[in-house]
Amino acid sequence: MKKYQIEIKWGVIFFVLMVIWTYLEKLLGWHNEHIDKQALYTNFFGFIAIVVYFLAIRDKKQTIFHGKMSWKQGFVSGIILSVVIALLSPLHQVIAHKLISPDFFNNIIDYNVDAERMSQEDAEAFFNLNSYIVQGISNALTMGVITSALVALVLKRK
């Protein structure tokens, strides 16, 4: 575990930032009166995610590799960070949809059905806690791998 201390630390920081972001979305009305904007505006968290990956991999480079890190070392660190984030993702979804915004799924279902984007059945199948947990884990791993590869490329130094 000590070997992965930096990735765990930054994974927890990422988790806290996701919870704060979700609360901010709720405060800005993206989970109710402005739910039509939520799908677009939630993507801005991607910028925060990239910064966290950069800081985490840079921390690993400076602390463990003493300023000299190969692309592979940075990439592996980013993959481990992605796994930590993916493991914390279900907890984030529970906090987001049970505590912060318990009406989110009803609101997003109603919006998509009223806008004739989805049938009631399709919307209910897509917008629910189990589906979001699976999507959260999948997105954390997929986007984490891509982000890790790019950030490691920027930070590598032999």
N, C-alpha and C. Protein backbone atom coordinates (compact mmCIF):
# COMPACT_ATOMS: atom_id res chain seq x y z
N MET A 1 0.82 -1.20 0.00
CA MET A 1 0.00 0.00 0.00
C MET A 1 0.86 1.27 0.00
N LYS A 2 1.95 1.23 0.76
CA LYS A 2 2.81 2.40 0.82
C LYS A 2 3.36 2.75 -0.56
N LYS A 3 3.54 1.72 -1.38
CA LYS A 3 4.05 1.91 -2.74
C LYS A 3 3.10 2.77 -3.58
N TYR A 4 1.82 2.72 -3.24
CA TYR A 4 0.80 3.45 -3.99
C TYR A 4 0.20 4.61 -3.20
N GLN A 5 0.90 5.06 -2.19
CA GLN A 5 0.41 6.12 -1.31
C GLN A 5 0.05 7.40 -2.07
N ILE A 6 0.85 7.78 -3.03
CA ILE A 6 0.60 9.01 -3.78
C ILE A 6 -0.67 8.87 -4.63
N GLU A 7 -0.83 7.73 -5.29
CA GLU A 7 -2.03 7.52 -6.11
C GLU A 7 -3.28 7.48 -5.24
N ILE A 8 -3.18 6.87 -4.07
CA ILE A 8 -4.34 6.82 -3.16
C ILE A 8 -4.67 8.24 -2.68
N LYS A 9 -3.66 9.00 -2.31
CA LYS A 9 -3.89 10.38 -1.86
C LYS A 9 -4.61 11.20 -2.93
N TRP A 10 -4.11 11.12 -4.16
CA TRP A 10 -4.70 11.91 -5.25
C TRP A 10 -6.06 11.34 -5.67
N GLY A 11 -6.25 10.04 -5.52
CA GLY A 11 -7.56 9.46 -5.79
C GLY A 11 -8.61 9.99 -4.81
N VAL A 12 -8.22 10.12 -3.55
CA VAL A 12 -9.14 10.68 -2.55
C VAL A 12 -9.39 12.16 -2.84
N ILE A 13 -8.36 12.89 -3.23
CA ILE A 13 -8.55 14.30 -3.61
C ILE A 13 -9.52 14.40 -4.79
N PHE A 14 -9.35 13.55 -5.78
CA PHE A 14 -10.24 13.53 -6.94
C PHE A 14 -11.68 13.25 -6.49
N PHE A 15 -11.86 12.27 -5.62
CA PHE A 15 -13.17 11.93 -5.09
C PHE A 15 -13.82 13.13 -4.40
N VAL A 16 -13.08 13.80 -3.55
CA VAL A 16 -13.61 14.97 -2.84
C VAL A 16 -14.02 16.06 -3.84
N LEU A 17 -13.19 16.27 -4.85
CA LEU A 17 -13.52 17.26 -5.88
C LEU A 17 -14.77 16.86 -6.67
N MET A 18 -14.95 15.56 -6.92
CA MET A 18 -16.18 15.10 -7.61
C MET A 18 -17.42 15.39 -6.76
N VAL A 19 -17.32 15.16 -5.46
CA VAL A 19 -18.45 15.43 -4.57
C VAL A 19 -18.75 16.93 -4.55
N ILE A 20 -17.72 17.74 -4.44
CA ILE A 20 -17.90 19.20 -4.45
C ILE A 20 -18.52 19.64 -5.77
N TRP A 21 -18.02 19.11 -6.88
CA TRP A 21 -18.56 19.44 -8.20
C TRP A 21 -20.05 19.10 -8.29
N THR A 22 -20.41 17.92 -7.80
CA THR A 22 -21.81 17.50 -7.82
C THR A 22 -22.66 18.46 -7.01
N TYR A 23 -22.18 18.87 -5.86
CA TYR A 23 -22.90 19.82 -5.03
C TYR A 23 -23.04 21.16 -5.75
N LEU A 24 -21.98 21.59 -6.43
CA LEU A 24 -22.03 22.83 -7.21
C LEU A 24 -23.06 22.72 -8.34
N GLU A 25 -23.09 21.58 -9.03
CA GLU A 25 -24.10 21.37 -10.07
C GLU A 25 -25.51 21.52 -9.50
N LYS A 26 -25.73 20.93 -8.34
CA LYS A 26 -27.04 21.03 -7.68
C LYS A 26 -27.36 22.48 -7.35
N LEU A 27 -26.39 23.20 -6.77
CA LEU A 27 -26.60 24.61 -6.42
C LEU A 27 -26.91 25.48 -7.63
N LEU A 28 -26.28 25.17 -8.76
CA LEU A 28 -26.48 25.96 -9.97
C LEU A 28 -27.75 25.57 -10.74
N GLY A 29 -28.48 24.60 -10.20
CA GLY A 29 -29.75 24.22 -10.81
C GLY A 29 -29.64 23.24 -11.95
N TRP A 30 -28.46 22.65 -12.14
CA TRP A 30 -28.26 21.72 -13.25
C TRP A 30 -28.92 20.37 -12.99
N HIS A 31 -29.48 20.20 -11.81
CA HIS A 31 -30.17 18.95 -11.48
C HIS A 31 -31.68 19.14 -11.42
N ASN A 32 -32.13 20.38 -11.66
CA ASN A 32 -33.57 20.63 -11.67
C ASN A 32 -33.95 21.68 -12.72
N GLU A 33 -34.06 22.95 -12.35
CA GLU A 33 -34.58 23.93 -13.30
C GLU A 33 -33.73 24.12 -14.56
N HIS A 34 -32.44 23.85 -14.49
CA HIS A 34 -31.56 23.96 -15.67
C HIS A 34 -31.02 22.58 -16.09
N ILE A 35 -31.81 21.57 -15.90
CA ILE A 35 -31.35 20.20 -16.19
C ILE A 35 -31.01 20.01 -17.67
N ASP A 36 -31.58 20.87 -18.51
CA ASP A 36 -31.26 20.80 -19.94
C ASP A 36 -29.80 21.15 -20.22
N LYS A 37 -29.13 21.81 -19.29
CA LYS A 37 -27.73 22.21 -19.46
C LYS A 37 -26.76 21.22 -18.80
N GLN A 38 -27.27 20.33 -17.96
CA GLN A 38 -26.41 19.46 -17.17
C GLN A 38 -25.48 18.60 -18.01
N ALA A 39 -25.99 17.98 -19.05
CA ALA A 39 -25.16 17.08 -19.87
C ALA A 39 -23.96 17.82 -20.49
N LEU A 40 -24.15 19.08 -20.84
CA LEU A 40 -23.06 19.87 -21.41
C LEU A 40 -22.11 20.36 -20.32
N TYR A 41 -22.67 21.00 -19.29
CA TYR A 41 -21.83 21.65 -18.28
C TYR A 41 -21.06 20.67 -17.39
N THR A 42 -21.58 19.48 -17.22
CA THR A 42 -20.86 18.50 -16.38
C THR A 42 -19.52 18.13 -16.99
N ASN A 43 -19.38 18.30 -18.30
CA ASN A 43 -18.12 17.99 -18.98
C ASN A 43 -16.97 18.91 -18.57
N PHE A 44 -17.30 20.07 -18.01
CA PHE A 44 -16.25 20.98 -17.57
C PHE A 44 -15.41 20.39 -16.44
N PHE A 45 -15.97 19.40 -15.74
CA PHE A 45 -15.18 18.73 -14.71
C PHE A 45 -13.95 18.06 -15.32
N GLY A 46 -13.99 17.78 -16.60
CA GLY A 46 -12.84 17.17 -17.28
C GLY A 46 -11.58 18.00 -17.13
N PHE A 47 -11.71 19.32 -17.12
CA PHE A 47 -10.54 20.17 -16.94
C PHE A 47 -9.94 19.97 -15.54
N ILE A 48 -10.80 19.86 -14.55
CA ILE A 48 -10.35 19.60 -13.19
C ILE A 48 -9.65 18.24 -13.13
N ALA A 49 -10.25 17.26 -13.79
CA ALA A 49 -9.68 15.91 -13.80
C ALA A 49 -8.27 15.90 -14.39
N ILE A 50 -8.09 16.61 -15.48
CA ILE A 50 -6.77 16.67 -16.12
C ILE A 50 -5.75 17.32 -15.18
N VAL A 51 -6.15 18.38 -14.52
CA VAL A 51 -5.24 19.04 -13.56
C VAL A 51 -4.87 18.10 -12.43
N VAL A 52 -5.84 17.35 -11.91
CA VAL A 52 -5.55 16.41 -10.82
C VAL A 52 -4.58 15.33 -11.31
N TYR A 53 -4.81 14.78 -12.49
CA TYR A 53 -3.89 13.77 -13.03
C TYR A 53 -2.49 14.35 -13.20
N PHE A 54 -2.42 15.56 -13.71
CA PHE A 54 -1.11 16.21 -13.89
C PHE A 54 -0.41 16.36 -12.55
N LEU A 55 -1.12 16.88 -11.55
CA LEU A 55 -0.51 17.09 -10.23
C LEU A 55 -0.11 15.76 -9.58
N ALA A 56 -0.94 14.75 -9.75
CA ALA A 56 -0.65 13.44 -9.15
C ALA A 56 0.59 12.81 -9.77
N ILE A 57 0.64 12.79 -11.08
CA ILE A 57 1.78 12.16 -11.76
C ILE A 57 3.05 12.99 -11.53
N ARG A 58 2.91 14.29 -11.50
CA ARG A 58 4.07 15.14 -11.18
C ARG A 58 4.55 14.89 -9.75
N ASP A 59 3.62 14.71 -8.83
CA ASP A 59 3.97 14.39 -7.45
C ASP A 59 4.76 13.09 -7.40
N LYS A 60 4.30 12.08 -8.13
CA LYS A 60 5.01 10.79 -8.19
C LYS A 60 6.41 10.98 -8.77
N LYS A 61 6.49 11.77 -9.83
CA LYS A 61 7.77 12.02 -10.49
C LYS A 61 8.76 12.67 -9.51
N GLN A 62 8.30 13.68 -8.78
CA GLN A 62 9.20 14.41 -7.89
C GLN A 62 9.52 13.63 -6.62
N THR A 63 8.50 12.97 -6.05
CA THR A 63 8.68 12.31 -4.75
C THR A 63 9.37 10.96 -4.86
N ILE A 64 8.95 10.15 -5.81
CA ILE A 64 9.46 8.78 -5.91
C ILE A 64 10.61 8.66 -6.92
N PHE A 65 10.45 9.33 -8.05
CA PHE A 65 11.44 9.18 -9.12
C PHE A 65 12.47 10.31 -9.16
N HIS A 66 12.44 11.21 -8.18
CA HIS A 66 13.43 12.27 -8.02
C HIS A 66 13.62 13.10 -9.29
N GLY A 67 12.50 13.41 -9.94
CA GLY A 67 12.54 14.28 -11.11
C GLY A 67 12.81 13.60 -12.43
N LYS A 68 13.13 12.33 -12.41
CA LYS A 68 13.42 11.59 -13.65
C LYS A 68 12.44 10.43 -13.76
N MET A 69 11.51 10.55 -14.67
CA MET A 69 10.46 9.55 -14.81
C MET A 69 10.25 9.24 -16.28
N SER A 70 10.19 7.96 -16.60
CA SER A 70 9.92 7.54 -17.97
C SER A 70 8.41 7.65 -18.23
N TRP A 71 8.06 7.59 -19.50
CA TRP A 71 6.63 7.60 -19.85
C TRP A 71 5.93 6.42 -19.19
N LYS A 72 6.54 5.25 -19.23
CA LYS A 72 5.93 4.04 -18.66
C LYS A 72 5.68 4.21 -17.16
N GLN A 73 6.62 4.76 -16.44
CA GLN A 73 6.44 4.97 -15.00
C GLN A 73 5.28 5.92 -14.73
N GLY A 74 5.21 7.00 -15.49
CA GLY A 74 4.11 7.95 -15.33
C GLY A 74 2.77 7.34 -15.71
N PHE A 75 2.78 6.58 -16.78
CA PHE A 75 1.55 5.93 -17.25
C PHE A 75 1.04 4.93 -16.22
N VAL A 76 1.92 4.12 -15.68
CA VAL A 76 1.52 3.13 -14.66
C VAL A 76 0.96 3.85 -13.44
N SER A 77 1.60 4.92 -13.02
CA SER A 77 1.09 5.70 -11.89
C SER A 77 -0.32 6.22 -12.18
N GLY A 78 -0.53 6.71 -13.39
CA GLY A 78 -1.85 7.20 -13.79
C GLY A 78 -2.89 6.09 -13.83
N ILE A 79 -2.48 4.90 -14.26
CA ILE A 79 -3.40 3.75 -14.29
C ILE A 79 -3.82 3.39 -12.87
N ILE A 80 -2.86 3.37 -11.96
CA ILE A 80 -3.18 3.07 -10.56
C ILE A 80 -4.12 4.13 -10.01
N LEU A 81 -3.86 5.39 -10.31
CA LEU A 81 -4.76 6.47 -9.90
C LEU A 81 -6.16 6.24 -10.46
N SER A 82 -6.25 5.84 -11.71
CA SER A 82 -7.54 5.56 -12.34
C SER A 82 -8.30 4.45 -11.63
N VAL A 83 -7.58 3.42 -11.20
CA VAL A 83 -8.21 2.32 -10.48
C VAL A 83 -8.74 2.81 -9.12
N VAL A 84 -7.96 3.62 -8.43
CA VAL A 84 -8.42 4.18 -7.15
C VAL A 84 -9.68 5.00 -7.37
N ILE A 85 -9.69 5.84 -8.38
CA ILE A 85 -10.86 6.67 -8.69
C ILE A 85 -12.05 5.79 -9.05
N ALA A 86 -11.82 4.76 -9.84
CA ALA A 86 -12.91 3.85 -10.22
C ALA A 86 -13.48 3.14 -8.99
N LEU A 87 -12.63 2.76 -8.06
CA LEU A 87 -13.11 2.11 -6.84
C LEU A 87 -13.93 3.05 -5.96
N LEU A 88 -13.59 4.34 -5.99
CA LEU A 88 -14.33 5.33 -5.20
C LEU A 88 -15.59 5.84 -5.92
N SER A 89 -15.68 5.59 -7.20
CA SER A 89 -16.79 6.09 -7.99
C SER A 89 -18.17 5.65 -7.50
N PRO A 90 -18.38 4.39 -7.13
CA PRO A 90 -19.70 4.01 -6.62
C PRO A 90 -20.11 4.80 -5.37
N LEU A 91 -19.14 5.05 -4.48
CA LEU A 91 -19.44 5.85 -3.29
C LEU A 91 -19.85 7.27 -3.70
N HIS A 92 -19.16 7.83 -4.69
CA HIS A 92 -19.54 9.15 -5.18
C HIS A 92 -20.96 9.14 -5.71
N GLN A 93 -21.32 8.12 -6.48
CA GLN A 93 -22.67 8.05 -7.05
C GLN A 93 -23.73 7.95 -5.96
N VAL A 94 -23.46 7.18 -4.93
CA VAL A 94 -24.41 7.06 -3.82
C VAL A 94 -24.57 8.41 -3.11
N ILE A 95 -23.46 9.08 -2.82
CA ILE A 95 -23.53 10.39 -2.17
C ILE A 95 -24.26 11.38 -3.07
N ALA A 96 -23.93 11.37 -4.36
CA ALA A 96 -24.54 12.31 -5.30
C ALA A 96 -26.04 12.12 -5.41
N HIS A 97 -26.49 10.88 -5.51
CA HIS A 97 -27.89 10.63 -5.84
C HIS A 97 -28.78 10.25 -4.66
N LYS A 98 -28.17 9.98 -3.53
CA LYS A 98 -28.96 9.70 -2.33
C LYS A 98 -28.96 10.89 -1.37
N LEU A 99 -27.85 11.63 -1.32
CA LEU A 99 -27.73 12.73 -0.37
C LEU A 99 -27.83 14.11 -1.01
N ILE A 100 -27.01 14.36 -2.03
CA ILE A 100 -26.94 15.70 -2.62
C ILE A 100 -28.15 15.99 -3.50
N SER A 101 -28.51 15.08 -4.36
CA SER A 101 -29.54 15.35 -5.36
C SER A 101 -30.45 14.13 -5.55
N PRO A 102 -31.27 13.83 -4.54
CA PRO A 102 -32.11 12.62 -4.65
C PRO A 102 -33.17 12.68 -5.75
N ASP A 103 -33.49 13.85 -6.25
CA ASP A 103 -34.50 13.97 -7.32
C ASP A 103 -33.88 13.99 -8.72
N PHE A 104 -32.56 13.89 -8.81
CA PHE A 104 -31.90 14.01 -10.10
C PHE A 104 -32.44 13.02 -11.13
N PHE A 105 -32.53 11.75 -10.78
CA PHE A 105 -32.96 10.76 -11.76
C PHE A 105 -34.39 11.01 -12.23
N ASN A 106 -35.29 11.34 -11.33
CA ASN A 106 -36.66 11.67 -11.74
C ASN A 106 -36.67 12.88 -12.67
N ASN A 107 -35.87 13.89 -12.33
CA ASN A 107 -35.83 15.11 -13.15
C ASN A 107 -35.25 14.84 -14.54
N ILE A 108 -34.17 14.09 -14.61
CA ILE A 108 -33.54 13.84 -15.92
C ILE A 108 -34.39 12.90 -16.76
N ILE A 109 -35.08 11.97 -16.12
CA ILE A 109 -36.01 11.10 -16.85
C ILE A 109 -37.14 11.92 -17.43
N ASP A 110 -37.76 12.75 -16.58
CA ASP A 110 -38.86 13.60 -17.05
C ASP A 110 -38.42 14.52 -18.19
N TYR A 111 -37.24 15.11 -18.05
CA TYR A 111 -36.74 16.01 -19.09
C TYR A 111 -36.58 15.27 -20.42
N ASN A 112 -35.95 14.12 -20.41
CA ASN A 112 -35.70 13.38 -21.65
C ASN A 112 -36.98 12.83 -22.27
N VAL A 113 -37.92 12.43 -21.44
CA VAL A 113 -39.20 11.93 -21.96
C VAL A 113 -40.01 13.10 -22.52
N ASP A 114 -40.09 14.21 -21.78
CA ASP A 114 -40.83 15.39 -22.24
C ASP A 114 -40.26 15.97 -23.53
N ALA A 115 -38.93 15.91 -23.67
CA ALA A 115 -38.27 16.41 -24.88
C ALA A 115 -38.32 15.39 -26.01
N GLU A 116 -38.93 14.26 -25.76
CA GLU A 116 -39.08 13.17 -26.73
C GLU A 116 -37.72 12.66 -27.23
N ARG A 117 -36.75 12.68 -26.34
CA ARG A 117 -35.43 12.13 -26.66
C ARG A 117 -35.37 10.64 -26.38
N MET A 118 -36.19 10.20 -25.42
CA MET A 118 -36.20 8.80 -25.01
C MET A 118 -37.61 8.42 -24.59
N SER A 119 -37.89 7.13 -24.69
CA SER A 119 -39.15 6.64 -24.13
C SER A 119 -39.00 6.58 -22.60
N GLN A 120 -40.10 6.49 -21.91
CA GLN A 120 -40.07 6.39 -20.46
C GLN A 120 -39.22 5.17 -20.02
N GLU A 121 -39.44 4.06 -20.69
CA GLU A 121 -38.74 2.82 -20.33
C GLU A 121 -37.23 2.96 -20.57
N ASP A 122 -36.85 3.52 -21.71
CA ASP A 122 -35.43 3.69 -22.01
C ASP A 122 -34.78 4.66 -21.03
N ALA A 123 -35.48 5.73 -20.71
CA ALA A 123 -34.94 6.72 -19.77
C ALA A 123 -34.76 6.10 -18.39
N GLU A 124 -35.73 5.33 -17.95
CA GLU A 124 -35.62 4.69 -16.64
C GLU A 124 -34.50 3.66 -16.62
N ALA A 125 -34.28 2.99 -17.73
CA ALA A 125 -33.21 2.00 -17.81
C ALA A 125 -31.83 2.65 -17.79
N PHE A 126 -31.73 3.86 -18.35
CA PHE A 126 -30.44 4.54 -18.45
C PHE A 126 -30.14 5.39 -17.22
N PHE A 127 -31.14 6.12 -16.74
CA PHE A 127 -30.93 7.07 -15.64
C PHE A 127 -31.36 6.44 -14.32
N ASN A 128 -30.45 5.69 -13.73
CA ASN A 128 -30.68 5.10 -12.42
C ASN A 128 -29.33 4.87 -11.75
N LEU A 129 -29.36 4.61 -10.47
CA LEU A 129 -28.12 4.50 -9.70
C LEU A 129 -27.22 3.38 -10.21
N ASN A 130 -27.77 2.22 -10.47
CA ASN A 130 -26.93 1.10 -10.95
C ASN A 130 -26.24 1.45 -12.26
N SER A 131 -26.99 2.02 -13.19
CA SER A 131 -26.42 2.41 -14.47
C SER A 131 -25.32 3.45 -14.30
N TYR A 132 -25.54 4.43 -13.43
CA TYR A 132 -24.55 5.48 -13.21
C TYR A 132 -23.31 4.93 -12.50
N ILE A 133 -23.48 3.94 -11.64
CA ILE A 133 -22.32 3.32 -11.00
C ILE A 133 -21.46 2.64 -12.06
N VAL A 134 -22.09 1.88 -12.95
CA VAL A 134 -21.35 1.20 -14.02
C VAL A 134 -20.68 2.23 -14.93
N GLN A 135 -21.43 3.27 -15.32
CA GLN A 135 -20.86 4.31 -16.17
C GLN A 135 -19.70 5.02 -15.48
N GLY A 136 -19.83 5.29 -14.19
CA GLY A 136 -18.78 5.97 -13.44
C GLY A 136 -17.49 5.17 -13.41
N ILE A 137 -17.61 3.88 -13.15
CA ILE A 137 -16.43 3.01 -13.13
C ILE A 137 -15.81 2.95 -14.52
N SER A 138 -16.64 2.72 -15.52
CA SER A 138 -16.16 2.62 -16.90
C SER A 138 -15.49 3.92 -17.36
N ASN A 139 -16.12 5.05 -17.08
CA ASN A 139 -15.55 6.34 -17.47
C ASN A 139 -14.24 6.62 -16.74
N ALA A 140 -14.19 6.27 -15.45
CA ALA A 140 -12.96 6.50 -14.69
C ALA A 140 -11.80 5.72 -15.29
N LEU A 141 -12.07 4.49 -15.68
CA LEU A 141 -11.00 3.67 -16.26
C LEU A 141 -10.64 4.12 -17.67
N THR A 142 -11.65 4.35 -18.50
CA THR A 142 -11.40 4.74 -19.89
C THR A 142 -10.71 6.10 -19.98
N MET A 143 -11.32 7.10 -19.38
CA MET A 143 -10.75 8.44 -19.45
C MET A 143 -9.45 8.52 -18.67
N GLY A 144 -9.34 7.73 -17.61
CA GLY A 144 -8.12 7.70 -16.83
C GLY A 144 -6.93 7.18 -17.62
N VAL A 145 -7.15 6.15 -18.40
CA VAL A 145 -6.07 5.59 -19.24
C VAL A 145 -5.62 6.63 -20.26
N ILE A 146 -6.57 7.25 -20.92
CA ILE A 146 -6.23 8.26 -21.94
C ILE A 146 -5.50 9.44 -21.31
N THR A 147 -6.05 9.95 -20.21
CA THR A 147 -5.43 11.09 -19.53
C THR A 147 -4.05 10.73 -19.02
N SER A 148 -3.91 9.54 -18.45
CA SER A 148 -2.61 9.09 -17.94
C SER A 148 -1.56 9.04 -19.04
N ALA A 149 -1.94 8.51 -20.18
CA ALA A 149 -1.00 8.40 -21.30
C ALA A 149 -0.52 9.78 -21.74
N LEU A 150 -1.45 10.73 -21.84
CA LEU A 150 -1.09 12.07 -22.31
C LEU A 150 -0.28 12.84 -21.27
N VAL A 151 -0.71 12.77 -20.01
CA VAL A 151 0.02 13.49 -18.95
C VAL A 151 1.42 12.90 -18.78
N ALA A 152 1.54 11.57 -18.82
CA ALA A 152 2.85 10.93 -18.69
C ALA A 152 3.77 11.36 -19.84
N LEU A 153 3.19 11.54 -21.02
CA LEU A 153 3.97 12.00 -22.17
C LEU A 153 4.52 13.41 -21.91
N VAL A 154 3.70 14.26 -21.35
CA VAL A 154 4.12 15.63 -21.05
C VAL A 154 5.18 15.67 -19.96
N LEU A 155 5.04 14.80 -18.96
CA LEU A 155 5.93 14.85 -17.79
C LEU A 155 7.15 13.95 -17.86
N LYS A 156 7.26 13.12 -18.87
CA LYS A 156 8.39 12.18 -18.92
C LYS A 156 9.72 12.91 -19.03
N ARG A 157 10.71 12.31 -18.41
CA ARG A 157 12.08 12.83 -18.50
C ARG A 157 13.02 11.71 -18.11
N LYS A 158 13.89 11.38 -19.01
CA LYS A 158 14.81 10.26 -18.75
C LYS A 158 16.09 10.76 -18.11
